[in-house]
C-alpha cells in the first residue's frame, strides 16, 4: 500500500518516529476498509516523494494502532495530522487537496 518514501507508523514506533522527529512529519490516519483513505493514498505517496529528505510522510492504520489513534482523538478517517517538533501544527479531516497539504508543508519548512 505504501510507496518507497512512505513510512509505516505504529503504536510502537510513533513516539520515536513522529514525536521525536527533527523534521516535520505528515501522518495519514487510515484504515483498509476506508474508501476515501484509498482515494487519498496516491496523493500521500506523491507528497512523500516530493518532500523526501525534508518531511517525513507516513501512514498509521487506525484499526491496528488504537493507542495513538485514541491519543489524538481520531474519530473520522482519513485524518491527516502535520506534526512539527512533536506538536500538532495542522489537522485535516476528510479528503483534502494536494495543494492544501503542500501549503501546510511549505509553511513548516
PDB file of N, CA and C in Angstrom:
ATOM      1  N   UNK A   1       0.830  -1.210   0.000  1.00  0.00           N
ATOM      2  CA  UNK A   1       0.000   0.000   0.000  1.00  0.00           C
ATOM      3  C   UNK A   1       0.866   1.263   0.000  1.00  0.00           C
ATOM      4  N   UNK A   2       1.936   1.248   0.781  1.00  0.00           N
ATOM      5  CA  UNK A   2       2.762   2.451   0.893  1.00  0.00           C
ATOM      6  C   UNK A   2       3.874   2.454  -0.141  1.00  0.00           C
ATOM      7  N   UNK A   3       4.211   3.647  -0.619  1.00  0.00           N
ATOM      8  CA  UNK A   3       5.286   3.799  -1.594  1.00  0.00           C
ATOM      9  C   UNK A   3       6.650   3.766  -0.920  1.00  0.00           C
ATOM     10  N   UNK A   4       7.692   3.969  -1.719  1.00  0.00           N
ATOM     11  CA  UNK A   4       9.067   3.889  -1.227  1.00  0.00           C
ATOM     12  C   UNK A   4       9.376   4.878  -0.108  1.00  0.00           C
ATOM     13  N   UNK A   5       8.788   6.050  -0.172  1.00  0.00           N
ATOM     14  CA  UNK A   5       9.119   7.100   0.800  1.00  0.00           C
ATOM     15  C   UNK A   5       8.099   7.191   1.933  1.00  0.00           C
ATOM     16  N   UNK A   6       7.081   6.343   1.914  1.00  0.00           N
ATOM     17  CA  UNK A   6       6.027   6.407   2.930  1.00  0.00           C
ATOM     18  C   UNK A   6       6.385   5.473   4.082  1.00  0.00           C
ATOM     19  N   UNK A   7       6.481   6.037   5.282  1.00  0.00           N
ATOM     20  CA  UNK A   7       6.843   5.283   6.479  1.00  0.00           C
ATOM     21  C   UNK A   7       5.573   4.681   7.088  1.00  0.00           C
ATOM     22  N   UNK A   8       5.692   3.478   7.646  1.00  0.00           N
ATOM     23  CA  UNK A   8       4.564   2.881   8.356  1.00  0.00           C
ATOM     24  C   UNK A   8       4.729   3.194   9.838  1.00  0.00           C
ATOM     25  N   UNK A   9       3.782   3.942  10.389  1.00  0.00           N
ATOM     26  CA  UNK A   9       3.807   4.273  11.815  1.00  0.00           C
ATOM     27  C   UNK A   9       2.914   3.294  12.574  1.00  0.00           C
ATOM     28  N   UNK A  10       3.327   2.986  13.809  1.00  0.00           N
ATOM     29  CA  UNK A  10       2.562   2.068  14.668  1.00  0.00           C
ATOM     30  C   UNK A  10       2.547   2.640  16.085  1.00  0.00           C
ATOM     31  N   UNK A  11       1.749   2.006  16.951  1.00  0.00           N
ATOM     32  CA  UNK A  11       1.754   2.396  18.360  1.00  0.00           C
ATOM     33  C   UNK A  11       3.179   2.293  18.923  1.00  0.00           C
ATOM     34  N   UNK A  12       3.922   1.291  18.458  1.00  0.00           N
ATOM     35  CA  UNK A  12       5.267   1.034  18.992  1.00  0.00           C
ATOM     36  C   UNK A  12       6.320   2.046  18.544  1.00  0.00           C
ATOM     37  N   UNK A  13       6.228   2.529  17.307  1.00  0.00           N
ATOM     38  CA  UNK A  13       7.295   3.425  16.823  1.00  0.00           C
ATOM     39  C   UNK A  13       6.882   4.901  16.748  1.00  0.00           C
ATOM     40  N   UNK A  14       5.632   5.214  17.079  1.00  0.00           N
ATOM     41  CA  UNK A  14       5.116   6.577  16.899  1.00  0.00           C
ATOM     42  C   UNK A  14       5.897   7.614  17.703  1.00  0.00           C
ATOM     43  N   UNK A  15       6.165   7.309  18.954  1.00  0.00           N
ATOM     44  CA  UNK A  15       6.878   8.254  19.830  1.00  0.00           C
ATOM     45  C   UNK A  15       8.230   8.638  19.224  1.00  0.00           C
ATOM     46  N   UNK A  16       8.975   7.647  18.790  1.00  0.00           N
ATOM     47  CA  UNK A  16      10.300   7.895  18.231  1.00  0.00           C
ATOM     48  C   UNK A  16      10.225   8.505  16.832  1.00  0.00           C
ATOM     49  N   UNK A  17       9.414   7.907  15.948  1.00  0.00           N
ATOM     50  CA  UNK A  17       9.378   8.320  14.543  1.00  0.00           C
ATOM     51  C   UNK A  17       8.694   9.669  14.317  1.00  0.00           C
ATOM     52  N   UNK A  18       7.676   9.969  15.114  1.00  0.00           N
ATOM     53  CA  UNK A  18       6.897  11.191  14.886  1.00  0.00           C
ATOM     54  C   UNK A  18       7.205  12.249  15.936  1.00  0.00           C
ATOM     55  N   UNK A  19       6.959  11.929  17.198  1.00  0.00           N
ATOM     56  CA  UNK A  19       7.113  12.923  18.256  1.00  0.00           C
ATOM     57  C   UNK A  19       8.579  13.335  18.434  1.00  0.00           C
ATOM     58  N   UNK A  20       9.500  12.415  18.179  1.00  0.00           N
ATOM     59  CA  UNK A  20      10.920  12.710  18.352  1.00  0.00           C
ATOM     60  C   UNK A  20      11.625  13.129  17.074  1.00  0.00           C
ATOM     61  N   UNK A  21      10.875  13.327  15.998  1.00  0.00           N
ATOM     62  CA  UNK A  21      11.484  13.648  14.711  1.00  0.00           C
ATOM     63  C   UNK A  21      11.959  15.097  14.647  1.00  0.00           C
ATOM     64  N   UNK A  22      13.159  15.271  14.099  1.00  0.00           N
ATOM     65  CA  UNK A  22      13.690  16.621  13.869  1.00  0.00           C
ATOM     66  C   UNK A  22      12.924  17.297  12.730  1.00  0.00           C
ATOM     67  N   UNK A  23      12.575  16.500  11.727  1.00  0.00           N
ATOM     68  CA  UNK A  23      11.867  17.018  10.550  1.00  0.00           C
ATOM     69  C   UNK A  23      10.360  17.036  10.821  1.00  0.00           C
ATOM     70  N   UNK A  24       9.615  17.895  10.123  1.00  0.00           N
ATOM     71  CA  UNK A  24       8.152  17.832  10.218  1.00  0.00           C
ATOM     72  C   UNK A  24       7.675  16.453   9.750  1.00  0.00           C
ATOM     73  N   UNK A  25       6.548  16.006  10.300  1.00  0.00           N
ATOM     74  CA  UNK A  25       6.013  14.688   9.955  1.00  0.00           C
ATOM     75  C   UNK A  25       4.542  14.818   9.576  1.00  0.00           C
ATOM     76  N   UNK A  26       4.181  14.263   8.419  1.00  0.00           N
ATOM     77  CA  UNK A  26       2.786  14.220   7.969  1.00  0.00           C
ATOM     78  C   UNK A  26       2.289  12.793   8.185  1.00  0.00           C
ATOM     79  N   UNK A  27       1.271  12.640   9.035  1.00  0.00           N
ATOM     80  CA  UNK A  27       0.748  11.310   9.365  1.00  0.00           C
ATOM     81  C   UNK A  27      -0.667  11.160   8.822  1.00  0.00           C
ATOM     82  N   UNK A  28      -0.853  10.129   8.005  1.00  0.00           N
ATOM     83  CA  UNK A  28      -2.156   9.788   7.438  1.00  0.00           C
ATOM     84  C   UNK A  28      -2.761   8.681   8.300  1.00  0.00           C
ATOM     85  N   UNK A  29      -3.794   9.032   9.071  1.00  0.00           N
ATOM     86  CA  UNK A  29      -4.529   8.046   9.866  1.00  0.00           C
ATOM     87  C   UNK A  29      -5.578   7.438   8.941  1.00  0.00           C
ATOM     88  N   UNK A  30      -5.504   6.127   8.698  1.00  0.00           N
ATOM     89  CA  UNK A  30      -6.337   5.478   7.696  1.00  0.00           C
ATOM     90  C   UNK A  30      -6.743   4.081   8.160  1.00  0.00           C
ATOM     91  N   UNK A  31      -7.579   3.424   7.366  1.00  0.00           N
ATOM     92  CA  UNK A  31      -7.939   2.022   7.596  1.00  0.00           C
ATOM     93  C   UNK A  31      -8.172   1.354   6.242  1.00  0.00           C
ATOM     94  N   UNK A  32      -7.952   0.062   6.213  1.00  0.00           N
ATOM     95  CA  UNK A  32      -8.054  -0.726   4.977  1.00  0.00           C
ATOM     96  C   UNK A  32      -9.435  -0.609   4.323  1.00  0.00           C
ATOM     97  N   UNK A  33     -10.482  -0.547   5.137  1.00  0.00           N
ATOM     98  CA  UNK A  33     -11.865  -0.544   4.634  1.00  0.00           C
ATOM     99  C   UNK A  33     -12.358   0.842   4.216  1.00  0.00           C
ATOM    100  N   UNK A  34     -11.546   1.867   4.425  1.00  0.00           N
ATOM    101  CA  UNK A  34     -11.967   3.261   4.201  1.00  0.00           C
ATOM    102  C   UNK A  34     -11.726   3.673   2.745  1.00  0.00           C
ATOM    103  N   UNK A  35     -12.808   3.848   1.983  1.00  0.00           N
ATOM    104  CA  UNK A  35     -12.670   4.202   0.565  1.00  0.00           C
ATOM    105  C   UNK A  35     -12.038   5.588   0.362  1.00  0.00           C
ATOM    106  N   UNK A  36     -12.442   6.635   1.116  1.00  0.00           N
ATOM    107  CA  UNK A  36     -11.764   7.932   0.953  1.00  0.00           C
ATOM    108  C   UNK A  36     -10.259   7.839   1.268  1.00  0.00           C
ATOM    109  N   UNK A  37      -9.892   6.957   2.208  1.00  0.00           N
ATOM    110  CA  UNK A  37      -8.465   6.763   2.522  1.00  0.00           C
ATOM    111  C   UNK A  37      -7.728   6.231   1.306  1.00  0.00           C
ATOM    112  N   UNK A  38      -8.355   5.282   0.620  1.00  0.00           N
ATOM    113  CA  UNK A  38      -7.737   4.700  -0.576  1.00  0.00           C
ATOM    114  C   UNK A  38      -7.626   5.743  -1.686  1.00  0.00           C
ATOM    115  N   UNK A  39      -8.616   6.630  -1.767  1.00  0.00           N
ATOM    116  CA  UNK A  39      -8.592   7.685  -2.773  1.00  0.00           C
ATOM    117  C   UNK A  39      -7.465   8.678  -2.484  1.00  0.00           C
ATOM    118  N   UNK A  40      -7.156   8.869  -1.209  1.00  0.00           N
ATOM    119  CA  UNK A  40      -6.133   9.832  -0.796  1.00  0.00           C
ATOM    120  C   UNK A  40      -4.713   9.251  -0.904  1.00  0.00           C
ATOM    121  N   UNK A  41      -4.601   7.932  -0.902  1.00  0.00           N
ATOM    122  CA  UNK A  41      -3.290   7.265  -0.870  1.00  0.00           C
ATOM    123  C   UNK A  41      -2.318   7.748  -1.951  1.00  0.00           C
ATOM    124  N   UNK A  42      -2.743   7.887  -3.231  1.00  0.00           N
ATOM    125  CA  UNK A  42      -1.787   8.368  -4.245  1.00  0.00           C
ATOM    126  C   UNK A  42      -1.253   9.768  -3.938  1.00  0.00           C
ATOM    127  N   UNK A  43      -2.090  10.632  -3.377  1.00  0.00           N
ATOM    128  CA  UNK A  43      -1.655  11.989  -3.009  1.00  0.00           C
ATOM    129  C   UNK A  43      -0.593  11.918  -1.919  1.00  0.00           C
ATOM    130  N   UNK A  44      -0.818  11.066  -0.923  1.00  0.00           N
ATOM    131  CA  UNK A  44       0.143  10.905   0.180  1.00  0.00           C
ATOM    132  C   UNK A  44       1.479  10.410  -0.376  1.00  0.00           C
ATOM    133  N   UNK A  45       1.418   9.455  -1.303  1.00  0.00           N
ATOM    134  CA  UNK A  45       2.645   8.927  -1.903  1.00  0.00           C
ATOM    135  C   UNK A  45       3.376   9.992  -2.722  1.00  0.00           C
ATOM    136  N   UNK A  46       2.631  10.815  -3.454  1.00  0.00           N
ATOM    137  CA  UNK A  46       3.248  11.899  -4.224  1.00  0.00           C
ATOM    138  C   UNK A  46       3.934  12.900  -3.294  1.00  0.00           C
ATOM    139  N   UNK A  47       3.275  13.249  -2.195  1.00  0.00           N
ATOM    140  CA  UNK A  47       3.859  14.189  -1.240  1.00  0.00           C
ATOM    141  C   UNK A  47       5.129  13.606  -0.625  1.00  0.00           C
ATOM    142  N   UNK A  48       5.090  12.318  -0.299  1.00  0.00           N
ATOM    143  CA  UNK A  48       6.262  11.654   0.286  1.00  0.00           C
ATOM    144  C   UNK A  48       7.444  11.736  -0.668  1.00  0.00           C
ATOM    145  N   UNK A  49       7.163  11.558  -1.943  1.00  0.00           N
ATOM    146  CA  UNK A  49       8.203  11.619  -2.972  1.00  0.00           C
ATOM    147  C   UNK A  49       8.741  13.043  -3.116  1.00  0.00           C
ATOM    148  N   UNK A  50       7.821  14.007  -3.224  1.00  0.00           N
ATOM    149  CA  UNK A  50       8.207  15.401  -3.453  1.00  0.00           C
ATOM    150  C   UNK A  50       8.954  16.014  -2.275  1.00  0.00           C
ATOM    151  N   UNK A  51       8.597  15.605  -1.059  1.00  0.00           N
ATOM    152  CA  UNK A  51       9.193  16.207   0.137  1.00  0.00           C
ATOM    153  C   UNK A  51      10.228  15.297   0.787  1.00  0.00           C
ATOM    154  N   UNK A  52      10.659  14.253   0.069  1.00  0.00           N
ATOM    155  CA  UNK A  52      11.663  13.323   0.598  1.00  0.00           C
ATOM    156  C   UNK A  52      12.904  14.094   1.046  1.00  0.00           C
ATOM    157  N   UNK A  53      13.372  13.776   2.246  1.00  0.00           N
ATOM    158  CA  UNK A  53      14.555  14.454   2.776  1.00  0.00           C
ATOM    159  C   UNK A  53      14.235  15.724   3.539  1.00  0.00           C
ATOM    160  N   UNK A  54      12.997  16.236   3.386  1.00  0.00           N
ATOM    161  CA  UNK A  54      12.603  17.465   4.090  1.00  0.00           C
ATOM    162  C   UNK A  54      11.503  17.197   5.112  1.00  0.00           C
ATOM    163  N   UNK A  55      10.573  16.304   4.748  1.00  0.00           N
ATOM    164  CA  UNK A  55       9.429  15.982   5.601  1.00  0.00           C
ATOM    165  C   UNK A  55       9.287  14.465   5.635  1.00  0.00           C
ATOM    166  N   UNK A  56       8.999  13.935   6.811  1.00  0.00           N
ATOM    167  CA  UNK A  56       8.726  12.505   6.921  1.00  0.00           C
ATOM    168  C   UNK A  56       7.224  12.320   6.684  1.00  0.00           C
ATOM    169  N   UNK A  57       6.865  11.436   5.774  1.00  0.00           N
ATOM    170  CA  UNK A  57       5.462  11.186   5.449  1.00  0.00           C
ATOM    171  C   UNK A  57       5.167   9.721   5.710  1.00  0.00           C
ATOM    172  N   UNK A  58       4.063   9.470   6.433  1.00  0.00           N
ATOM    173  CA  UNK A  58       3.743   8.082   6.728  1.00  0.00           C
ATOM    174  C   UNK A  58       2.281   7.865   7.021  1.00  0.00           C
ATOM    175  N   UNK A  59       1.958   6.588   7.233  1.00  0.00           N
ATOM    176  CA  UNK A  59       0.577   6.184   7.444  1.00  0.00           C
ATOM    177  C   UNK A  59       0.479   5.381   8.732  1.00  0.00           C
ATOM    178  N   UNK A  60      -0.636   5.557   9.426  1.00  0.00           N
ATOM    179  CA  UNK A  60      -0.908   4.789  10.632  1.00  0.00           C
ATOM    180  C   UNK A  60      -2.284   4.152  10.484  1.00  0.00           C
ATOM    181  N   UNK A  61      -2.327   2.824  10.502  1.00  0.00           N
ATOM    182  CA  UNK A  61      -3.578   2.070  10.389  1.00  0.00           C
ATOM    183  C   UNK A  61      -4.321   2.168  11.721  1.00  0.00           C
ATOM    184  N   UNK A  62      -5.460   2.856  11.719  1.00  0.00           N
ATOM    185  CA  UNK A  62      -6.190   3.115  12.964  1.00  0.00           C
ATOM    186  C   UNK A  62      -6.775   1.841  13.576  1.00  0.00           C
ATOM    187  N   UNK A  63      -7.072   0.845  12.755  1.00  0.00           N
ATOM    188  CA  UNK A  63      -7.621  -0.407  13.287  1.00  0.00           C
ATOM    189  C   UNK A  63      -6.590  -1.175  14.099  1.00  0.00           C
ATOM    190  N   UNK A  64      -5.336  -1.126  13.666  1.00  0.00           N
ATOM    191  CA  UNK A  64      -4.275  -1.893  14.324  1.00  0.00           C
ATOM    192  C   UNK A  64      -3.472  -1.090  15.335  1.00  0.00           C
ATOM    193  N   UNK A  65      -3.716   0.202  15.415  1.00  0.00           N
ATOM    194  CA  UNK A  65      -2.941   1.080  16.311  1.00  0.00           C
ATOM    195  C   UNK A  65      -3.885   2.010  17.063  1.00  0.00           C
ATOM    196  N   UNK A  66      -4.660   1.425  17.929  1.00  0.00           N
ATOM    197  CA  UNK A  66      -5.712   2.179  18.622  1.00  0.00           C
ATOM    198  C   UNK A  66      -5.186   3.149  19.686  1.00  0.00           C
ATOM    199  N   UNK A  67      -4.022   2.876  20.246  1.00  0.00           N
ATOM    200  CA  UNK A  67      -3.485   3.759  21.291  1.00  0.00           C
ATOM    201  C   UNK A  67      -3.212   5.156  20.746  1.00  0.00           C
ATOM    202  N   UNK A  68      -2.441   5.219  19.667  1.00  0.00           N
ATOM    203  CA  UNK A  68      -2.105   6.520  19.072  1.00  0.00           C
ATOM    204  C   UNK A  68      -3.356   7.178  18.511  1.00  0.00           C
ATOM    205  N   UNK A  69      -4.212   6.393  17.859  1.00  0.00           N
ATOM    206  CA  UNK A  69      -5.455   6.949  17.304  1.00  0.00           C
ATOM    207  C   UNK A  69      -6.289   7.587  18.407  1.00  0.00           C
ATOM    208  N   UNK A  70      -6.378   6.927  19.547  1.00  0.00           N
ATOM    209  CA  UNK A  70      -7.122   7.463  20.688  1.00  0.00           C
ATOM    210  C   UNK A  70      -6.460   8.683  21.282  1.00  0.00           C
ATOM    211  N   UNK A  71      -5.145   8.656  21.347  1.00  0.00           N
ATOM    212  CA  UNK A  71      -4.379   9.770  21.917  1.00  0.00           C
ATOM    213  C   UNK A  71      -4.651  11.076  21.163  1.00  0.00           C
ATOM    214  N   UNK A  72      -4.866  10.973  19.859  1.00  0.00           N
ATOM    215  CA  UNK A  72      -5.095  12.167  19.044  1.00  0.00           C
ATOM    216  C   UNK A  72      -6.563  12.345  18.663  1.00  0.00           C
ATOM    217  N   UNK A  73      -7.447  11.591  19.317  1.00  0.00           N
ATOM    218  CA  UNK A  73      -8.885  11.777  19.132  1.00  0.00           C
ATOM    219  C   UNK A  73      -9.357  11.546  17.713  1.00  0.00           C
ATOM    220  N   UNK A  74      -8.796  10.531  17.056  1.00  0.00           N
ATOM    221  CA  UNK A  74      -9.186  10.240  15.675  1.00  0.00           C
ATOM    222  C   UNK A  74     -10.557   9.561  15.683  1.00  0.00           C
ATOM    223  N   UNK A  75     -11.560  10.290  15.230  1.00  0.00           N
ATOM    224  CA  UNK A  75     -12.919   9.733  15.193  1.00  0.00           C
ATOM    225  C   UNK A  75     -13.433   9.593  13.773  1.00  0.00           C
ATOM    226  N   UNK A  76     -12.766  10.232  12.828  1.00  0.00           N
ATOM    227  CA  UNK A  76     -13.145  10.137  11.415  1.00  0.00           C
ATOM    228  C   UNK A  76     -11.865   9.954  10.610  1.00  0.00           C
ATOM    229  N   UNK A  77     -11.958   9.132   9.576  1.00  0.00           N
ATOM    230  CA  UNK A  77     -10.796   8.949   8.709  1.00  0.00           C
ATOM    231  C   UNK A  77     -11.223   9.151   7.262  1.00  0.00           C
ATOM    232  N   UNK A  78     -10.338   9.597   6.406  1.00  0.00           N
ATOM    233  CA  UNK A  78      -8.943   9.901   6.731  1.00  0.00           C
ATOM    234  C   UNK A  78      -8.803  11.191   7.543  1.00  0.00           C
ATOM    235  N   UNK A  79      -7.894  11.125   8.514  1.00  0.00           N
ATOM    236  CA  UNK A  79      -7.450  12.320   9.219  1.00  0.00           C
ATOM    237  C   UNK A  79      -5.951  12.405   8.982  1.00  0.00           C
ATOM    238  N   UNK A  80      -5.488  13.564   8.588  1.00  0.00           N
ATOM    239  CA  UNK A  80      -4.061  13.760   8.351  1.00  0.00           C
ATOM    240  C   UNK A  80      -3.594  14.847   9.304  1.00  0.00           C
ATOM    241  N   UNK A  81      -2.566  14.527  10.078  1.00  0.00           N
ATOM    242  CA  UNK A  81      -2.029  15.498  11.037  1.00  0.00           C
ATOM    243  C   UNK A  81      -0.578  15.799  10.669  1.00  0.00           C
ATOM    244  N   UNK A  82      -0.268  17.081  10.625  1.00  0.00           N
ATOM    245  CA  UNK A  82       1.094  17.543  10.394  1.00  0.00           C
ATOM    246  C   UNK A  82       1.703  17.902  11.744  1.00  0.00           C
ATOM    247  N   UNK A  83       2.791  17.232  12.067  1.00  0.00           N
ATOM    248  CA  UNK A  83       3.489  17.473  13.334  1.00  0.00           C
ATOM    249  C   UNK A  83       4.775  18.232  13.055  1.00  0.00           C
ATOM    250  N   UNK A  84       5.086  19.163  13.950  1.00  0.00           N
ATOM    251  CA  UNK A  84       6.383  19.841  13.893  1.00  0.00           C
ATOM    252  C   UNK A  84       6.891  19.954  15.324  1.00  0.00           C
ATOM    253  N   UNK A  85       8.091  19.419  15.552  1.00  0.00           N
ATOM    254  CA  UNK A  85       8.664  19.450  16.901  1.00  0.00           C
ATOM    255  C   UNK A  85       7.812  18.726  17.921  1.00  0.00           C
ATOM    256  N   UNK A  86       7.142  17.662  17.502  1.00  0.00           N
ATOM    257  CA  UNK A  86       6.321  16.877  18.421  1.00  0.00           C
ATOM    258  C   UNK A  86       4.972  17.492  18.739  1.00  0.00           C
ATOM    259  N   UNK A  87       4.647  18.604  18.090  1.00  0.00           N
ATOM    260  CA  UNK A  87       3.364  19.284  18.309  1.00  0.00           C
ATOM    261  C   UNK A  87       2.517  19.209  17.049  1.00  0.00           C
ATOM    262  N   UNK A  88       1.193  19.223  17.236  1.00  0.00           N
ATOM    263  CA  UNK A  88       0.289  19.248  16.087  1.00  0.00           C
ATOM    264  C   UNK A  88       0.344  20.646  15.469  1.00  0.00           C
ATOM    265  N   UNK A  89       0.792  20.717  14.209  1.00  0.00           N
ATOM    266  CA  UNK A  89       0.867  22.003  13.510  1.00  0.00           C
ATOM    267  C   UNK A  89      -0.414  22.256  12.731  1.00  0.00           C
ATOM    268  N   UNK A  90      -0.976  21.184  12.158  1.00  0.00           N
ATOM    269  CA  UNK A  90      -2.204  21.314  11.383  1.00  0.00           C
ATOM    270  C   UNK A  90      -2.883  19.960  11.298  1.00  0.00           C
ATOM    271  N   UNK A  91      -4.221  19.995  11.217  1.00  0.00           N
ATOM    272  CA  UNK A  91      -5.007  18.760  11.154  1.00  0.00           C
ATOM    273  C   UNK A  91      -6.027  18.883  10.029  1.00  0.00           C
ATOM    274  N   UNK A  92      -6.112  17.847   9.213  1.00  0.00           N
ATOM    275  CA  UNK A  92      -7.080  17.795   8.110  1.00  0.00           C
ATOM    276  C   UNK A  92      -7.968  16.574   8.316  1.00  0.00           C
ATOM    277  N   UNK A  93      -9.274  16.738   8.168  1.00  0.00           N
ATOM    278  CA  UNK A  93     -10.189  15.605   8.271  1.00  0.00           C
ATOM    279  C   UNK A  93     -10.944  15.479   6.953  1.00  0.00           C
ATOM    280  N   UNK A  94     -10.945  14.254   6.416  1.00  0.00           N
ATOM    281  CA  UNK A  94     -11.629  14.016   5.148  1.00  0.00           C
ATOM    282  C   UNK A  94     -10.696  14.218   3.970  1.00  0.00           C
ATOM    283  N   UNK A  95     -11.248  14.069   2.772  1.00  0.00           N
ATOM    284  CA  UNK A  95     -10.441  14.249   1.566  1.00  0.00           C
ATOM    285  C   UNK A  95      -9.983  15.700   1.482  1.00  0.00           C
ATOM    286  N   UNK A  96      -8.712  15.881   1.278  1.00  0.00           N
ATOM    287  CA  UNK A  96      -8.111  17.213   1.221  1.00  0.00           C
ATOM    288  C   UNK A  96      -7.277  17.290  -0.046  1.00  0.00           C
ATOM    289  N   UNK A  97      -7.216  18.462  -0.641  1.00  0.00           N
ATOM    290  CA  UNK A  97      -6.472  18.599  -1.899  1.00  0.00           C
ATOM    291  C   UNK A  97      -4.969  18.584  -1.647  1.00  0.00           C
ATOM    292  N   UNK A  98      -4.242  18.152  -2.647  1.00  0.00           N
ATOM    293  CA  UNK A  98      -2.783  18.124  -2.570  1.00  0.00           C
ATOM    294  C   UNK A  98      -2.246  19.528  -2.327  1.00  0.00           C
ATOM    295  N   UNK A  99      -2.866  20.507  -2.954  1.00  0.00           N
ATOM    296  CA  UNK A  99      -2.446  21.900  -2.798  1.00  0.00           C
ATOM    297  C   UNK A  99      -2.522  22.340  -1.325  1.00  0.00           C
ATOM    298  N   UNK A 100      -3.597  21.950  -0.633  1.00  0.00           N
ATOM    299  CA  UNK A 100      -3.737  22.300   0.795  1.00  0.00           C
ATOM    300  C   UNK A 100      -2.616  21.672   1.620  1.00  0.00           C
ATOM    301  N   UNK A 101      -2.290  20.408   1.314  1.00  0.00           N
ATOM    302  CA  UNK A 101      -1.192  19.751   2.019  1.00  0.00           C
ATOM    303  C   UNK A 101       0.136  20.452   1.723  1.00  0.00           C
ATOM    304  N   UNK A 102       0.349  20.810   0.456  1.00  0.00           N
ATOM    305  CA  UNK A 102       1.599  21.466   0.067  1.00  0.00           C
ATOM    306  C   UNK A 102       1.755  22.804   0.794  1.00  0.00           C
ATOM    307  N   UNK A 103       0.673  23.566   0.883  1.00  0.00           N
ATOM    308  CA  UNK A 103       0.739  24.855   1.589  1.00  0.00           C
ATOM    309  C   UNK A 103       1.087  24.651   3.053  1.00  0.00           C
ATOM    310  N   UNK A 104       0.478  23.639   3.672  1.00  0.00           N
ATOM    311  CA  UNK A 104       0.756  23.355   5.093  1.00  0.00           C
ATOM    312  C   UNK A 104       2.211  22.911   5.273  1.00  0.00           C
ATOM    313  N   UNK A 105       2.677  22.035   4.400  1.00  0.00           N
ATOM    314  CA  UNK A 105       4.059  21.559   4.489  1.00  0.00           C
ATOM    315  C   UNK A 105       5.050  22.702   4.268  1.00  0.00           C
ATOM    316  N   UNK A 106       4.806  23.503   3.261  1.00  0.00           N
ATOM    317  CA  UNK A 106       5.700  24.631   2.979  1.00  0.00           C
ATOM    318  C   UNK A 106       5.754  25.611   4.147  1.00  0.00           C
ATOM    319  N   UNK A 107       4.635  25.747   4.858  1.00  0.00           N
ATOM    320  CA  UNK A 107       4.590  26.707   5.968  1.00  0.00           C
ATOM    321  C   UNK A 107       5.431  26.262   7.168  1.00  0.00           C
ATOM    322  N   UNK A 108       5.714  24.959   7.281  1.00  0.00           N
ATOM    323  CA  UNK A 108       6.517  24.484   8.428  1.00  0.00           C
ATOM    324  C   UNK A 108       7.972  24.232   8.044  1.00  0.00           C
ATOM    325  N   UNK A 109       8.293  24.433   6.778  1.00  0.00           N
ATOM    326  CA  UNK A 109       9.697  24.209   6.351  1.00  0.00           C
ATOM    327  C   UNK A 109      10.511  25.487   6.423  1.00  0.00           C
TER     328      UNK A 109
END
